[in-house]
């Protein structure tokens, strides 16, 4: 039937599928909670532009 190499490949693919299924189920569960997924707050434009200036100045070093 299956050779040793094909069996190992099949086993790896099934394990990957199991992990991906758990991730999707977890995301679905989080989205259906009454409080939903909590996202980080939105930064003001001023904070974001000052961070970009700092990043740009460090790139020139």
Protein backbone atom coordinates (compact mmCIF):
# COMPACT_ATOMS: atom_id res chain seq x y z
CA UNK A 1 0.00 0.00 0.00
CA UNK A 2 1.79 3.12 1.30
CA UNK A 3 5.55 3.32 1.34
CA UNK A 4 7.34 4.53 4.46
CA UNK A 5 8.01 8.00 2.97
CA UNK A 6 4.41 8.40 1.78
CA UNK A 7 3.15 7.34 5.20
CA UNK A 8 5.31 9.98 6.93
CA UNK A 9 4.13 12.66 4.48
CA UNK A 10 0.49 11.67 5.01
CA UNK A 11 0.97 11.74 8.78
CA UNK A 12 2.54 15.24 8.65
CA UNK A 13 -0.27 16.56 6.47
CA UNK A 14 -2.93 15.16 8.81
CA UNK A 15 -1.24 16.73 11.83
CA UNK A 16 -1.09 20.08 10.01
CA UNK A 17 -4.77 19.77 9.12
CA UNK A 18 -5.62 19.05 12.78
CA UNK A 19 -3.77 22.16 13.93
CA UNK A 20 -5.38 24.38 11.30
CA UNK A 21 -8.82 23.02 12.21
CA UNK A 22 -8.25 23.87 15.89
CA UNK A 23 -7.16 27.40 14.96
CA UNK A 24 -10.26 27.97 12.81
CA UNK A 25 -12.58 26.58 15.49
CA UNK A 26 -10.96 28.82 18.10
CA UNK A 27 -11.38 31.90 15.90
CA UNK A 28 -15.03 31.03 15.26
CA UNK A 29 -15.61 30.61 18.99
CA UNK A 30 -14.00 33.97 19.73
CA UNK A 31 -16.10 35.75 17.12
CA UNK A 32 -19.35 34.32 18.46
CA UNK A 33 -18.71 35.38 22.07
CA UNK A 34 -20.96 38.24 23.22
CA UNK A 35 -17.96 40.51 23.82
CA UNK A 36 -16.30 39.46 20.54
CA UNK A 37 -12.62 39.86 19.78
CA UNK A 38 -10.93 42.75 21.56
CA UNK A 39 -8.73 44.73 19.20
CA UNK A 40 -6.08 47.24 20.34
CA UNK A 41 -7.08 50.88 20.43
CA UNK A 42 -6.52 53.10 17.42
CA UNK A 43 -3.50 55.39 17.71
CA UNK A 44 -3.82 59.03 16.83
CA UNK A 45 -2.22 60.14 13.58
CA UNK A 46 0.27 62.29 15.47
CA UNK A 47 1.67 59.30 17.41
CA UNK A 48 1.98 57.20 14.26
CA UNK A 49 3.86 59.88 12.32
CA UNK A 50 6.27 60.49 15.20
CA UNK A 51 7.01 56.73 15.35
CA UNK A 52 7.69 56.71 11.59
CA UNK A 53 10.15 59.59 11.99
CA UNK A 54 12.01 57.65 14.67
CA UNK A 55 12.13 54.54 12.45
CA UNK A 56 13.41 56.56 9.49
CA UNK A 57 16.12 58.22 11.54
CA UNK A 58 17.38 54.86 12.83
CA UNK A 59 17.53 53.42 9.31
CA UNK A 60 20.03 56.09 8.27
CA UNK A 61 22.55 55.00 10.91
